[in-house]
Protein backbone atom coordinates (compact mmCIF):
# COMPACT_ATOMS: atom_id res chain seq x y z
CA MET A 1 29.10 11.16 -60.57
CA TYR A 2 27.52 8.74 -57.82
CA PHE A 3 27.97 7.62 -54.53
CA ASN A 4 28.85 4.21 -53.29
CA ASN A 5 25.55 1.99 -53.15
CA LYS A 6 26.29 1.90 -49.52
CA LYS A 7 26.09 5.38 -48.69
CA HIS A 8 22.85 6.30 -47.42
CA ILE A 9 23.32 9.66 -46.60
CA LEU A 10 19.88 11.25 -47.06
CA SER A 11 17.71 8.50 -45.60
CA ASN A 12 20.50 8.45 -42.24
CA VAL A 13 19.98 12.04 -41.84
CA LEU A 14 15.89 11.67 -41.91
CA MET A 15 16.08 8.49 -39.69
CA ALA A 16 18.25 10.81 -37.19
CA ALA A 17 16.08 13.45 -37.43
CA ALA A 18 13.05 11.52 -36.84
CA ALA A 19 14.67 10.00 -33.78
CA ILE A 20 15.68 13.39 -32.15
CA ASN A 21 11.59 14.35 -32.61
CA VAL A 22 10.57 11.11 -31.42
CA VAL A 23 12.80 11.44 -28.20
CA SER A 24 11.75 15.05 -27.94
CA ALA A 25 8.09 14.52 -27.95
CA LEU A 26 8.29 11.55 -25.50
CA LEU A 27 10.44 13.75 -23.20
CA GLY A 28 8.00 16.47 -23.48
CA GLY A 29 5.07 14.38 -22.89
CA LEU A 30 6.59 12.65 -19.67
CA ILE A 31 7.49 16.16 -18.31
CA ARG A 32 3.96 17.40 -18.81
CA VAL A 33 2.16 14.18 -16.96
CA VAL A 34 4.97 14.61 -13.94
CA VAL A 35 5.01 18.66 -13.73
CA ASN A 36 1.32 19.25 -14.33
CA ASN A 37 -0.33 16.59 -12.27
CA ASN A 38 -3.03 18.57 -10.99
CA ILE A 39 -6.49 19.15 -12.00
CA SER A 40 -6.68 22.58 -13.59
CA LEU A 41 -9.15 24.98 -15.27
CA THR A 42 -6.07 26.28 -17.25
CA PRO A 43 -5.01 24.87 -20.57
CA ASP A 44 -1.66 23.23 -20.18
CA MET A 45 0.07 25.73 -22.63
CA ALA A 46 -0.54 28.44 -20.12
CA ASP A 47 1.35 26.88 -17.81
CA GLY A 48 4.60 28.63 -17.90
CA ILE A 49 6.98 25.82 -16.39
CA LEU A 50 5.93 23.33 -19.14
CA TRP A 51 6.56 26.44 -21.73
CA LYS A 52 9.70 27.14 -20.56
CA VAL A 53 10.64 23.21 -20.78
CA GLN A 54 9.05 23.07 -24.26
CA ILE A 55 11.44 26.18 -25.23
CA VAL A 56 14.46 24.18 -24.02
CA LEU A 57 13.38 20.99 -25.78
CA SER A 58 12.88 22.67 -29.19
CA ILE A 59 16.18 24.63 -29.00
CA ILE A 60 18.12 21.15 -28.14
CA GLN A 61 16.12 19.35 -30.82
CA LEU A 62 17.22 22.15 -33.51
CA VAL A 63 21.03 22.08 -32.27
CA LEU A 64 20.81 18.21 -32.55
CA ILE A 65 19.32 18.22 -36.01
CA CYS A 66 21.66 21.14 -37.27
CA ILE A 67 24.95 18.97 -36.26
CA VAL A 68 23.30 16.10 -38.06
CA PHE A 69 23.10 18.18 -41.22
CA TRP A 70 26.51 19.46 -40.27
CA PHE A 71 27.97 15.81 -40.54
CA ALA A 72 26.25 15.03 -43.62
CA PHE A 73 27.12 17.82 -45.58
CA ARG A 74 30.95 17.76 -44.80
CA GLN A 75 30.76 13.78 -45.32
CA MET A 76 29.31 14.62 -48.70
CA ASN A 77 31.65 17.47 -49.52
CA ARG A 78 34.69 15.37 -48.60
CA TYR A 79 33.00 12.44 -50.78
CA ILE A 80 32.52 14.67 -53.95
CA GLY A 81 35.82 16.82 -53.34
CA THR A 82 37.91 13.82 -54.52
CA VAL A 83 36.90 14.35 -57.94
CA GLU A 84 37.25 17.73 -60.01
CA ASP A 85 34.24 19.71 -60.90
CA ASP A 86 35.30 19.36 -64.77
CA ASP A 87 35.58 15.34 -64.19
CA ARG A 88 32.54 14.54 -62.31
CA ALA A 89 30.38 14.03 -65.34
CA GLU A 90 32.52 11.42 -67.01
CA MET A 91 33.38 9.73 -63.45
CA GLY A 92 29.59 9.14 -63.68
CA ARG A 93 29.64 7.73 -67.13
CA LEU A 94 32.44 5.39 -66.07
CA GLN A 95 30.76 4.32 -62.59
CA GLU A 96 27.58 3.65 -65.17
CA GLU A 97 29.69 1.19 -67.43
CA VAL A 98 31.41 -0.50 -64.35
CA PHE A 99 28.48 -0.86 -61.82
CA GLY A 100 25.71 -0.83 -63.71
CA THR A 101 22.63 -1.58 -61.65
CA LYS A 102 24.66 -1.28 -58.46
CA LEU A 103 24.78 2.35 -58.49
CA SER A 104 23.22 4.69 -56.44
CA ALA A 105 19.58 5.34 -57.30
CA LEU A 106 20.69 9.29 -57.78
CA SER A 107 23.45 11.38 -58.64
CA ALA A 108 25.49 12.52 -56.08
CA ASP A 109 24.79 16.13 -56.90
CA ALA A 110 21.02 14.99 -57.02
CA ILE A 111 21.29 13.61 -53.21
CA ARG A 112 23.27 16.99 -52.49
CA ARG A 113 20.14 19.12 -53.70
CA LEU A 114 17.59 17.04 -51.79
CA LEU A 115 19.78 17.15 -48.61
CA GLN A 116 19.67 21.04 -49.08
CA ILE A 117 15.98 20.78 -49.70
CA TRP A 118 15.47 18.89 -46.53
CA ALA A 119 17.73 21.16 -44.33
CA VAL A 120 15.69 24.29 -45.40
CA ILE A 121 12.76 22.22 -43.89
CA LEU A 122 14.20 20.57 -41.14
CA ILE A 123 16.28 23.68 -39.71
CA GLY A 124 14.99 26.75 -41.35
CA VAL A 125 11.10 26.02 -41.46
CA GLU A 126 11.40 24.49 -38.00
CA ILE A 127 12.82 27.64 -36.68
CA VAL A 128 9.67 29.68 -38.39
CA TYR A 129 7.38 26.94 -36.72
CA ASP A 130 8.77 27.79 -33.28
CA VAL A 131 8.67 31.53 -33.52
CA THR A 132 4.94 31.36 -34.99
CA SER A 133 4.26 28.84 -31.99
CA THR A 134 5.24 31.52 -29.60
CA LEU A 135 3.06 33.81 -31.15
CA TYR A 136 0.13 31.65 -31.20
CA ARG A 137 0.38 30.78 -27.38
CA GLU A 138 0.40 34.62 -26.76
CA PHE A 139 -2.87 35.02 -28.96
CA MET A 140 -4.75 31.91 -27.31
CA LEU A 141 -3.65 33.31 -23.52
CA GLN A 142 -5.30 36.49 -24.31
CA LEU A 143 -8.60 34.95 -25.73
CA PHE A 144 -8.46 32.75 -22.39
CA SER A 145 -8.12 35.80 -20.14
CA MET A 146 -10.85 37.29 -22.19
CA GLU A 147 -13.05 34.25 -21.37
CA LEU A 148 -11.88 34.36 -17.47
CA LEU A 149 -13.01 37.91 -17.35
CA THR A 150 -16.36 37.30 -19.06
CA GLY A 151 -17.15 34.51 -16.77
CA GLY A 152 -17.59 32.06 -20.30
CA ILE A 153 -15.03 29.53 -18.85
CA PHE A 154 -17.37 26.76 -18.44
CA SER A 155 -19.21 27.40 -21.37
CA GLY A 156 -16.68 25.31 -23.48
CA GLY A 157 -16.20 28.35 -26.25
CA PHE A 158 -12.39 28.33 -25.87
CA ALA A 159 -11.95 24.71 -26.31
CA VAL A 160 -14.08 25.03 -29.58
CA LEU A 161 -11.93 28.09 -30.32
CA TYR A 162 -8.63 26.25 -29.72
CA ASN A 163 -9.58 23.48 -31.67
CA SER A 164 -10.81 24.82 -34.95
CA THR A 165 -7.91 27.25 -34.96
CA HIS A 166 -5.20 24.73 -33.77
CA GLY A 167 -4.33 23.81 -37.22
CA PHE A 168 -2.89 26.95 -38.14
CA LYS A 169 -0.36 26.24 -35.88
CA TYR A 170 0.88 23.34 -37.59
CA LEU A 171 0.11 24.25 -41.29
CA GLY A 172 3.44 25.61 -42.40
CA MET A 173 5.65 23.02 -41.17
CA LEU A 174 3.50 20.20 -42.26
CA ILE A 175 3.56 21.61 -45.70
CA ALA A 176 7.01 21.83 -45.59
CA ILE A 177 7.48 18.19 -44.71
CA LEU A 178 5.10 17.09 -47.21
CA LEU A 179 6.68 19.26 -50.15
CA GLY A 180 9.79 17.41 -48.90
CA ILE A 181 8.33 13.98 -49.30
CA MET A 182 6.97 15.08 -52.63
CA MET A 183 9.95 16.53 -54.03
CA THR A 184 11.66 13.35 -52.87
CA GLY A 185 9.22 11.15 -54.61
CA ILE A 186 9.75 13.73 -57.93
CA PHE A 187 13.56 13.17 -57.79
CA LEU A 188 12.92 9.50 -57.25
CA ASN A 189 10.11 9.39 -59.62
CA ASP A 190 8.37 7.20 -56.75
CA ARG A 191 4.73 7.55 -56.99
CA LEU A 192 3.98 5.94 -53.56
CA LEU A 193 6.05 8.79 -52.02
CA LYS A 194 4.09 11.36 -53.85
CA ALA A 195 0.48 9.39 -52.76
CA VAL A 196 1.70 9.45 -49.47
CA ALA A 197 2.30 13.21 -49.57
CA GLY A 198 -1.11 13.77 -50.98
CA MET A 199 -3.01 11.24 -48.40
CA LEU A 200 -1.59 12.92 -45.71
CA THR A 201 -2.62 16.33 -46.58
CA LEU A 202 -5.96 15.09 -47.15
CA MET A 203 -6.05 13.39 -43.85
CA PHE A 204 -4.79 16.80 -42.00
CA LEU A 205 -7.41 18.90 -44.14
CA ALA A 206 -10.01 16.42 -42.91
CA ALA A 207 -9.12 16.44 -39.58
CA PHE A 208 -8.90 20.41 -39.56
CA ALA A 209 -12.47 21.00 -41.21
CA LEU A 210 -14.54 18.01 -39.95
CA PHE A 211 -12.94 16.67 -36.72
CA GLN A 212 -13.87 17.96 -32.95
CA MET A 213 -11.28 17.38 -29.93
CA ASN A 214 -11.82 14.81 -28.02
CA THR A 215 -11.15 13.93 -24.47
CA ILE A 216 -9.35 10.76 -23.01
CA SER A 217 -7.95 10.10 -19.76
CA LEU A 218 -4.34 9.13 -18.82
CA PHE A 219 -2.96 8.74 -15.28
CA GLY A 220 -5.78 10.21 -13.85
CA ARG A 221 -6.11 13.02 -15.78
CA SER A 222 -8.40 14.11 -18.61
CA PHE A 223 -6.44 15.03 -22.04
CA GLY A 224 -7.92 17.00 -24.87
CA VAL A 225 -7.06 15.35 -28.17
CA VAL A 226 -6.45 17.45 -31.01
CA TRP A 227 -6.49 15.64 -34.38
CA THR A 228 -5.04 18.17 -36.55
CA SER A 229 -2.05 17.92 -33.48
CA VAL A 230 -1.81 14.27 -33.68
CA ILE A 231 -1.75 13.96 -37.67
CA PHE A 232 1.46 16.62 -37.31
CA HIS A 233 3.29 14.92 -34.75
CA ALA A 234 2.79 11.58 -36.30
CA THR A 235 3.77 12.83 -39.81
CA GLU A 236 7.24 14.64 -38.32
CA THR A 237 8.11 11.37 -35.99
CA ALA A 238 6.51 8.06 -37.41
CA GLY A 239 5.91 9.33 -40.93
CA LEU A 240 9.12 10.75 -41.68
CA LEU A 241 11.07 7.51 -39.99
CA THR A 242 8.82 5.52 -42.26
CA VAL A 243 9.89 7.45 -45.23
CA ALA A 244 13.54 7.06 -44.45
CA ILE A 245 13.26 3.53 -43.89
CA TYR A 246 11.51 3.02 -47.11
CA MET A 247 14.41 4.99 -48.98
CA ARG A 248 16.97 2.82 -47.24
CA THR A 249 15.42 -0.60 -48.24
CA HIS A 250 14.24 0.24 -51.93
CA TYR A 251 17.12 2.47 -53.29
CA LEU A 252 20.51 2.24 -53.54
CA GLY A 253 22.92 4.80 -51.93
CA VAL A 254 19.88 7.22 -51.26
């Protein structure tokens, strides 16, 4: 059984999730600039107000993505439920005979499996990411307090340690997203999606192992740019959106 070629359930879900991530990131950045506008020797992660705002944004983001998947599964189950289980294979053969190349690039069952994979990634792994991010923050704040006690705040040791370990915070979630892209490429037999997943992996590893933190000035403040963070957030926003648009424009009904 196949979907109507105008139904794009999976790509619509990924586009919605990417849009939610973009809005969340923009709001988080804006609030960070507005709230923490004073020069401080402490890292932004030590600011209790900013951290509470981040938690609230993460919860809202997760709830919205859950709603998106709920509607997607509801739509899919309603569509698939119109045909009895025993008749779906026969329905698929009839659709192939009647519609030919105008059919969806994947069967309804394949799209449902892909949707389940992405639900695990964007909901399940996201929850794990939020929990581990909290634990990472506590760990780094303890190290920062130790540096203050030892008088080493001006030595740059904390910044070096922060940059060299920050990639671990994103590693699990990034691997999950890249696996999602790779699995989608395998289902669609798409070499470009597979290559993109591999390229992003190499970029993240290079940033993790080779690049150092850089400083930029914005709105009169100096910000440390951690390249592993840049690659991760670009992947979960612009990258996910690009993949969704690519799937929508190159594959019918996905």
